[in-house]
């Protein structure tokens, strides 16, 4: 079966994560997704950017090689973590800390959605890793209010 990728190519021009990474993290060498929801987004973004991709589990596997980090990620590698959702930042910081413990340089985190909680900003500040999100609760609320208003 042949897959037509022209729609994916067109979509990549509007991919906010790609633009954020290129603008704020131009030295990024590897995209690391968070398991499980961040993996697909990280795979798509890494493909668009032509960068290698891996992912980080919440904890090490209890079989096989017992890896928590999957993918080629050598010490000193500059990594951007791709997350689907940031609320308090706790799970994202666990991923960041796992990468830091492995000797990786986490230069940032990009999320699809963030609630914009101060707790999340404080968590990222505590590990000196900036994060960006392209959807915030305020954007969603504004969109919904506009949509409801146009229906009335």
N, C-alpha and C. Protein backbone atom coordinates (compact mmCIF):
# COMPACT_ATOMS: atom_id res chain seq x y z
N UNK A 1 0.84 -1.18 0.00
CA UNK A 1 0.00 0.00 0.00
C UNK A 1 0.89 1.25 0.00
N UNK A 2 0.61 2.14 -0.91
CA UNK A 2 1.38 3.38 -1.00
C UNK A 2 0.68 4.45 -0.16
N UNK A 3 1.48 5.20 0.60
CA UNK A 3 0.93 6.24 1.45
C UNK A 3 1.26 7.60 0.84
N UNK A 4 0.24 8.43 0.69
CA UNK A 4 0.43 9.78 0.19
C UNK A 4 0.80 10.66 1.37
N UNK A 5 2.02 11.17 1.39
CA UNK A 5 2.49 11.98 2.52
C UNK A 5 2.36 13.48 2.28
N UNK A 6 1.74 13.89 1.17
CA UNK A 6 1.68 15.33 0.87
C UNK A 6 0.92 16.09 1.96
N UNK A 7 -0.11 15.48 2.55
CA UNK A 7 -0.85 16.17 3.60
C UNK A 7 0.02 16.32 4.85
N UNK A 8 0.88 15.32 5.13
CA UNK A 8 1.79 15.43 6.26
C UNK A 8 2.81 16.53 6.01
N UNK A 9 3.31 16.61 4.78
CA UNK A 9 4.27 17.65 4.43
C UNK A 9 3.65 19.03 4.61
N UNK A 10 2.41 19.19 4.17
CA UNK A 10 1.74 20.48 4.31
C UNK A 10 1.50 20.80 5.78
N UNK A 11 1.10 19.81 6.56
CA UNK A 11 0.84 20.01 7.98
C UNK A 11 2.11 20.43 8.71
N UNK A 12 3.25 19.92 8.30
CA UNK A 12 4.50 20.22 8.99
C UNK A 12 4.83 21.71 8.96
N UNK A 13 4.36 22.42 7.95
CA UNK A 13 4.60 23.86 7.89
C UNK A 13 3.88 24.60 9.00
N UNK A 14 2.84 24.00 9.56
CA UNK A 14 2.05 24.65 10.60
C UNK A 14 2.27 24.01 11.97
N UNK A 15 3.23 23.13 12.06
CA UNK A 15 3.47 22.39 13.30
C UNK A 15 4.14 23.29 14.33
N UNK A 16 3.40 23.75 15.34
CA UNK A 16 4.00 24.67 16.32
C UNK A 16 5.20 24.09 17.05
N UNK A 17 5.17 22.80 17.37
CA UNK A 17 6.29 22.20 18.10
C UNK A 17 7.57 22.31 17.29
N UNK A 18 7.48 22.05 16.00
CA UNK A 18 8.66 22.15 15.13
C UNK A 18 9.20 23.58 15.15
N UNK A 19 8.30 24.54 15.05
CA UNK A 19 8.73 25.94 15.03
C UNK A 19 9.35 26.36 16.36
N UNK A 20 8.76 25.90 17.46
CA UNK A 20 9.30 26.23 18.78
C UNK A 20 10.70 25.66 18.94
N UNK A 21 10.88 24.40 18.54
CA UNK A 21 12.19 23.77 18.69
C UNK A 21 13.22 24.47 17.81
N UNK A 22 12.87 24.77 16.57
CA UNK A 22 13.83 25.45 15.68
C UNK A 22 14.20 26.84 16.20
N UNK A 23 13.22 27.55 16.77
CA UNK A 23 13.48 28.91 17.24
C UNK A 23 14.22 28.95 18.57
N UNK A 24 13.75 28.19 19.55
CA UNK A 24 14.29 28.28 20.90
C UNK A 24 15.38 27.26 21.22
N UNK A 25 15.42 26.17 20.47
CA UNK A 25 16.39 25.10 20.74
C UNK A 25 17.11 24.67 19.46
N UNK A 26 17.76 25.59 18.77
CA UNK A 26 18.39 25.23 17.50
C UNK A 26 19.55 24.24 17.63
N UNK A 27 20.07 24.08 18.84
CA UNK A 27 21.19 23.15 19.04
C UNK A 27 20.72 21.74 19.42
N UNK A 28 19.42 21.52 19.40
CA UNK A 28 18.86 20.21 19.76
C UNK A 28 19.43 19.12 18.86
N UNK A 29 19.82 18.00 19.47
CA UNK A 29 20.38 16.87 18.73
C UNK A 29 19.46 15.65 18.72
N UNK A 30 18.61 15.54 19.75
CA UNK A 30 17.70 14.39 19.86
C UNK A 30 16.38 14.87 20.45
N UNK A 31 15.29 14.33 19.93
CA UNK A 31 13.96 14.57 20.48
C UNK A 31 13.61 13.38 21.36
N UNK A 32 13.22 13.65 22.61
CA UNK A 32 12.83 12.57 23.52
C UNK A 32 11.37 12.76 23.91
N UNK A 33 10.57 11.75 23.63
CA UNK A 33 9.16 11.77 24.01
C UNK A 33 8.97 11.23 25.41
N UNK A 34 7.83 11.57 25.98
CA UNK A 34 7.46 11.03 27.29
C UNK A 34 6.45 9.92 27.05
N UNK A 35 6.60 8.83 27.80
CA UNK A 35 5.64 7.74 27.60
C UNK A 35 4.36 8.07 28.36
N UNK A 36 3.27 7.75 27.80
CA UNK A 36 3.13 7.14 26.50
C UNK A 36 2.59 8.13 25.46
N UNK A 37 1.85 9.10 25.90
CA UNK A 37 1.19 10.01 24.96
C UNK A 37 2.15 10.93 24.22
N UNK A 38 3.32 11.21 24.77
CA UNK A 38 4.27 12.08 24.09
C UNK A 38 5.08 11.39 23.01
N UNK A 39 5.02 10.06 22.95
CA UNK A 39 5.85 9.31 22.01
C UNK A 39 5.47 9.61 20.56
N UNK A 40 4.19 9.54 20.24
CA UNK A 40 3.76 9.75 18.85
C UNK A 40 4.09 11.16 18.38
N UNK A 41 3.85 12.14 19.23
CA UNK A 41 4.14 13.52 18.87
C UNK A 41 5.65 13.71 18.68
N UNK A 42 6.45 13.12 19.56
CA UNK A 42 7.91 13.21 19.43
C UNK A 42 8.38 12.55 18.14
N UNK A 43 7.78 11.41 17.79
CA UNK A 43 8.17 10.71 16.56
C UNK A 43 7.88 11.57 15.34
N UNK A 44 6.72 12.19 15.32
CA UNK A 44 6.34 13.05 14.19
C UNK A 44 7.28 14.25 14.07
N UNK A 45 7.53 14.91 15.20
CA UNK A 45 8.39 16.10 15.21
C UNK A 45 9.82 15.73 14.82
N UNK A 46 10.33 14.62 15.35
CA UNK A 46 11.70 14.23 15.02
C UNK A 46 11.84 13.92 13.53
N UNK A 47 10.80 13.32 12.96
CA UNK A 47 10.82 13.02 11.53
C UNK A 47 10.86 14.32 10.71
N UNK A 48 10.04 15.27 11.08
CA UNK A 48 10.00 16.56 10.37
C UNK A 48 11.34 17.28 10.47
N UNK A 49 11.95 17.23 11.66
CA UNK A 49 13.21 17.94 11.88
C UNK A 49 14.43 17.14 11.43
N UNK A 50 14.23 15.87 11.10
CA UNK A 50 15.35 15.03 10.69
C UNK A 50 16.30 14.71 11.84
N UNK A 51 15.74 14.61 13.04
CA UNK A 51 16.55 14.31 14.22
C UNK A 51 16.20 12.93 14.77
N UNK A 52 17.17 12.29 15.45
CA UNK A 52 16.85 11.02 16.09
C UNK A 52 15.85 11.23 17.22
N UNK A 53 15.17 10.14 17.57
CA UNK A 53 14.13 10.22 18.59
C UNK A 53 14.24 9.05 19.54
N UNK A 54 13.89 9.28 20.77
CA UNK A 54 13.80 8.24 21.78
C UNK A 54 12.65 8.58 22.71
N UNK A 55 12.52 7.80 23.76
CA UNK A 55 11.49 8.12 24.75
C UNK A 55 11.92 7.64 26.12
N UNK A 56 11.25 8.20 27.13
CA UNK A 56 11.57 7.89 28.51
C UNK A 56 10.33 7.35 29.19
N UNK A 57 10.49 6.18 29.82
CA UNK A 57 9.40 5.59 30.60
C UNK A 57 9.36 6.21 32.00
N UNK A 58 8.23 6.04 32.66
CA UNK A 58 8.10 6.53 34.04
C UNK A 58 9.06 5.79 34.97
N UNK A 59 9.34 4.54 34.66
CA UNK A 59 10.29 3.76 35.45
C UNK A 59 10.93 2.70 34.55
N UNK A 60 11.99 2.09 35.04
CA UNK A 60 12.68 1.07 34.26
C UNK A 60 11.80 -0.15 34.06
N UNK A 61 11.97 -0.79 32.91
CA UNK A 61 11.27 -2.05 32.65
C UNK A 61 11.75 -3.09 33.64
N UNK A 62 10.90 -4.07 33.93
CA UNK A 62 11.31 -5.14 34.83
C UNK A 62 11.72 -6.40 34.06
N UNK A 63 11.97 -6.24 32.75
CA UNK A 63 12.43 -7.35 31.93
C UNK A 63 13.36 -6.82 30.84
N UNK A 64 13.94 -7.72 30.08
CA UNK A 64 14.86 -7.30 29.01
C UNK A 64 16.07 -6.60 29.58
N UNK A 65 16.37 -5.44 29.04
CA UNK A 65 17.55 -4.67 29.48
C UNK A 65 17.25 -3.73 30.64
N UNK A 66 16.02 -3.74 31.10
CA UNK A 66 15.60 -2.90 32.23
C UNK A 66 15.77 -1.40 31.95
N UNK A 67 15.64 -1.01 30.68
CA UNK A 67 15.83 0.39 30.31
C UNK A 67 14.67 1.27 30.73
N UNK A 68 15.00 2.46 31.15
CA UNK A 68 14.01 3.51 31.33
C UNK A 68 14.04 4.45 30.13
N UNK A 69 15.23 4.61 29.57
CA UNK A 69 15.42 5.47 28.41
C UNK A 69 15.64 4.59 27.19
N UNK A 70 14.83 4.80 26.16
CA UNK A 70 14.96 4.05 24.91
C UNK A 70 15.40 4.99 23.81
N UNK A 71 16.33 4.54 23.00
CA UNK A 71 16.85 5.36 21.91
C UNK A 71 18.28 5.74 22.20
N UNK A 72 18.99 6.12 21.15
CA UNK A 72 20.40 6.49 21.30
C UNK A 72 20.48 7.89 21.90
N UNK A 73 21.01 7.93 23.08
CA UNK A 73 21.10 9.20 23.80
C UNK A 73 22.35 9.16 24.67
N UNK A 74 23.46 9.55 24.09
CA UNK A 74 24.76 9.49 24.76
C UNK A 74 24.90 10.65 25.76
N UNK A 75 25.73 10.47 26.79
CA UNK A 75 26.00 11.59 27.70
C UNK A 75 26.48 12.82 26.93
N UNK A 76 25.98 13.98 27.33
CA UNK A 76 26.33 15.23 26.68
C UNK A 76 25.43 15.61 25.52
N UNK A 77 24.57 14.69 25.08
CA UNK A 77 23.65 14.96 23.98
C UNK A 77 22.66 16.05 24.40
N UNK A 78 22.41 16.99 23.50
CA UNK A 78 21.44 18.07 23.76
C UNK A 78 20.06 17.60 23.32
N UNK A 79 19.15 17.54 24.29
CA UNK A 79 17.84 16.93 24.09
C UNK A 79 16.72 17.92 24.38
N UNK A 80 15.65 17.82 23.60
CA UNK A 80 14.40 18.49 23.91
C UNK A 80 13.37 17.42 24.20
N UNK A 81 12.69 17.56 25.32
CA UNK A 81 11.64 16.62 25.72
C UNK A 81 10.33 17.10 25.13
N UNK A 82 9.59 16.17 24.51
CA UNK A 82 8.27 16.49 23.95
C UNK A 82 7.22 15.81 24.81
N UNK A 83 6.31 16.61 25.32
CA UNK A 83 5.28 16.17 26.25
C UNK A 83 3.91 16.48 25.67
N UNK A 84 2.92 15.69 25.98
CA UNK A 84 1.58 15.98 25.49
C UNK A 84 0.88 17.02 26.38
N UNK A 85 1.03 16.90 27.68
CA UNK A 85 0.30 17.74 28.62
C UNK A 85 1.16 18.04 29.84
N UNK A 86 1.17 19.31 30.24
CA UNK A 86 1.84 19.69 31.48
C UNK A 86 0.80 20.33 32.39
N UNK A 87 0.62 19.71 33.55
CA UNK A 87 -0.27 20.32 34.55
C UNK A 87 0.62 20.88 35.67
N UNK A 88 1.05 20.03 36.58
CA UNK A 88 1.94 20.49 37.66
C UNK A 88 3.41 20.41 37.25
N UNK A 89 3.70 19.64 36.20
CA UNK A 89 5.08 19.47 35.75
C UNK A 89 5.79 18.30 36.41
N UNK A 90 5.14 17.64 37.36
CA UNK A 90 5.79 16.56 38.12
C UNK A 90 6.29 15.43 37.23
N UNK A 91 5.44 14.90 36.37
CA UNK A 91 5.88 13.77 35.52
C UNK A 91 6.93 14.21 34.50
N UNK A 92 6.80 15.42 34.00
CA UNK A 92 7.80 15.94 33.05
C UNK A 92 9.16 16.09 33.73
N UNK A 93 9.16 16.57 34.96
CA UNK A 93 10.41 16.76 35.69
C UNK A 93 11.05 15.41 36.02
N UNK A 94 10.23 14.38 36.26
CA UNK A 94 10.78 13.04 36.48
C UNK A 94 11.53 12.57 35.24
N UNK A 95 10.98 12.84 34.06
CA UNK A 95 11.64 12.49 32.80
C UNK A 95 12.93 13.29 32.65
N UNK A 96 12.85 14.59 32.89
CA UNK A 96 14.03 15.45 32.80
C UNK A 96 15.12 14.95 33.74
N UNK A 97 14.76 14.65 34.99
CA UNK A 97 15.75 14.18 35.95
C UNK A 97 16.37 12.85 35.54
N UNK A 98 15.57 11.95 34.95
CA UNK A 98 16.11 10.67 34.46
C UNK A 98 17.15 10.91 33.38
N UNK A 99 16.87 11.84 32.49
CA UNK A 99 17.82 12.16 31.43
C UNK A 99 19.08 12.82 31.98
N UNK A 100 18.90 13.73 32.92
CA UNK A 100 20.06 14.40 33.54
C UNK A 100 20.93 13.38 34.25
N UNK A 101 20.30 12.44 34.97
CA UNK A 101 21.07 11.39 35.67
C UNK A 101 21.85 10.52 34.68
N UNK A 102 21.34 10.42 33.45
CA UNK A 102 22.04 9.65 32.42
C UNK A 102 23.13 10.47 31.73
N UNK A 103 23.30 11.72 32.16
CA UNK A 103 24.36 12.56 31.61
C UNK A 103 23.93 13.37 30.40
N UNK A 104 22.65 13.36 30.10
CA UNK A 104 22.12 14.07 28.95
C UNK A 104 21.87 15.54 29.32
N UNK A 105 22.09 16.43 28.37
CA UNK A 105 21.82 17.86 28.59
C UNK A 105 20.42 18.18 28.07
N UNK A 106 19.48 18.35 28.99
CA UNK A 106 18.12 18.69 28.62
C UNK A 106 18.05 20.20 28.44
N UNK A 107 17.87 20.64 27.18
CA UNK A 107 17.88 22.08 26.92
C UNK A 107 16.49 22.68 26.91
N UNK A 108 15.45 21.84 26.95
CA UNK A 108 14.10 22.38 27.00
C UNK A 108 13.05 21.30 26.92
N UNK A 109 11.82 21.74 27.10
CA UNK A 109 10.66 20.85 27.00
C UNK A 109 9.57 21.60 26.23
N UNK A 110 8.90 20.88 25.34
CA UNK A 110 7.81 21.46 24.56
C UNK A 110 6.57 20.60 24.77
N UNK A 111 5.46 21.23 25.11
CA UNK A 111 4.22 20.51 25.34
C UNK A 111 3.14 20.98 24.36
N UNK A 112 2.24 20.07 24.06
CA UNK A 112 1.09 20.44 23.24
C UNK A 112 0.17 21.36 24.04
N UNK A 113 -0.08 20.98 25.30
CA UNK A 113 -1.03 21.72 26.13
C UNK A 113 -0.48 21.90 27.53
N UNK A 114 -0.73 23.06 28.11
CA UNK A 114 -0.38 23.33 29.49
C UNK A 114 -1.51 24.11 30.14
N UNK A 115 -1.76 23.78 31.40
CA UNK A 115 -2.76 24.54 32.17
C UNK A 115 -2.21 25.88 32.61
N UNK A 116 -0.90 26.06 32.52
CA UNK A 116 -0.29 27.33 32.91
C UNK A 116 -0.19 27.52 34.41
N UNK A 117 -0.16 26.42 35.16
CA UNK A 117 -0.06 26.50 36.62
C UNK A 117 1.31 27.01 37.03
N UNK A 118 1.33 27.85 38.06
CA UNK A 118 2.60 28.34 38.61
C UNK A 118 3.46 27.18 39.10
N UNK A 119 2.82 26.14 39.61
CA UNK A 119 3.55 24.97 40.11
C UNK A 119 4.42 24.36 39.02
N UNK A 120 3.92 24.32 37.79
CA UNK A 120 4.69 23.77 36.68
C UNK A 120 5.89 24.67 36.38
N UNK A 121 5.67 25.97 36.32
CA UNK A 121 6.77 26.89 36.05
C UNK A 121 7.84 26.76 37.12
N UNK A 122 7.42 26.66 38.39
CA UNK A 122 8.39 26.50 39.49
C UNK A 122 9.16 25.20 39.37
N UNK A 123 8.48 24.14 38.95
CA UNK A 123 9.15 22.83 38.79
C UNK A 123 10.22 22.90 37.72
N UNK A 124 9.91 23.52 36.59
CA UNK A 124 10.90 23.63 35.52
C UNK A 124 12.03 24.59 35.90
N UNK A 125 11.69 25.65 36.60
CA UNK A 125 12.72 26.58 37.08
C UNK A 125 13.69 25.87 38.02
N UNK A 126 13.17 24.94 38.83
CA UNK A 126 14.01 24.25 39.82
C UNK A 126 15.09 23.38 39.17
N UNK A 127 14.87 22.94 37.93
CA UNK A 127 15.88 22.14 37.22
C UNK A 127 16.53 22.94 36.09
N UNK A 128 16.21 24.23 36.03
CA UNK A 128 16.79 25.14 35.05
C UNK A 128 16.55 24.67 33.61
N UNK A 129 15.31 24.23 33.35
CA UNK A 129 14.92 23.79 32.01
C UNK A 129 13.70 24.61 31.59
N UNK A 130 13.83 25.41 30.54
CA UNK A 130 12.66 26.17 30.08
C UNK A 130 11.66 25.27 29.37
N UNK A 131 10.38 25.65 29.44
CA UNK A 131 9.39 24.89 28.68
C UNK A 131 8.45 25.84 27.96
N UNK A 132 7.94 25.34 26.85
CA UNK A 132 6.97 26.09 26.04
C UNK A 132 5.80 25.17 25.74
N UNK A 133 4.66 25.79 25.59
CA UNK A 133 3.45 25.06 25.18
C UNK A 133 2.74 25.94 24.17
N UNK A 134 2.09 25.30 23.19
CA UNK A 134 1.40 26.12 22.21
C UNK A 134 -0.11 26.17 22.43
N UNK A 135 -0.62 25.41 23.37
CA UNK A 135 -2.02 25.53 23.76
C UNK A 135 -2.10 25.68 25.28
N UNK A 136 -2.83 26.69 25.71
CA UNK A 136 -3.04 26.92 27.12
C UNK A 136 -4.54 26.89 27.39
N UNK A 137 -4.90 26.71 28.64
CA UNK A 137 -6.33 26.66 28.99
C UNK A 137 -7.03 27.94 28.54
N UNK A 138 -6.34 29.06 28.56
CA UNK A 138 -6.96 30.33 28.17
C UNK A 138 -7.32 30.36 26.69
N UNK A 139 -6.50 29.75 25.87
CA UNK A 139 -6.78 29.67 24.43
C UNK A 139 -8.02 28.82 24.19
N UNK A 140 -8.09 27.68 24.87
CA UNK A 140 -9.23 26.78 24.72
C UNK A 140 -10.51 27.46 25.20
N UNK A 141 -10.44 28.11 26.36
CA UNK A 141 -11.62 28.79 26.90
C UNK A 141 -12.07 29.90 25.96
N UNK A 142 -11.13 30.68 25.44
CA UNK A 142 -11.47 31.76 24.50
C UNK A 142 -12.13 31.21 23.25
N UNK A 143 -11.57 30.12 22.73
CA UNK A 143 -12.15 29.49 21.54
C UNK A 143 -13.57 29.02 21.83
N UNK A 144 -13.77 28.36 22.94
CA UNK A 144 -15.11 27.87 23.29
C UNK A 144 -16.11 29.01 23.46
N UNK A 145 -15.68 30.07 24.13
CA UNK A 145 -16.57 31.22 24.32
C UNK A 145 -16.93 31.85 22.97
N UNK A 146 -15.96 31.97 22.10
CA UNK A 146 -16.23 32.52 20.77
C UNK A 146 -17.19 31.62 20.01
N UNK A 147 -16.95 30.31 20.07
CA UNK A 147 -17.78 29.35 19.36
C UNK A 147 -19.22 29.38 19.89
N UNK A 148 -19.36 29.41 21.21
CA UNK A 148 -20.70 29.47 21.83
C UNK A 148 -21.39 30.77 21.43
N UNK A 149 -20.66 31.86 21.47
CA UNK A 149 -21.22 33.16 21.11
C UNK A 149 -21.73 33.19 19.66
N UNK A 150 -21.00 32.56 18.76
CA UNK A 150 -21.43 32.57 17.35
C UNK A 150 -22.65 31.68 17.12
N UNK A 151 -22.88 30.72 18.00
CA UNK A 151 -24.06 29.87 17.87
C UNK A 151 -25.33 30.50 18.41
N UNK A 152 -25.18 31.46 19.30
CA UNK A 152 -26.37 32.09 19.93
C UNK A 152 -26.93 33.21 19.12
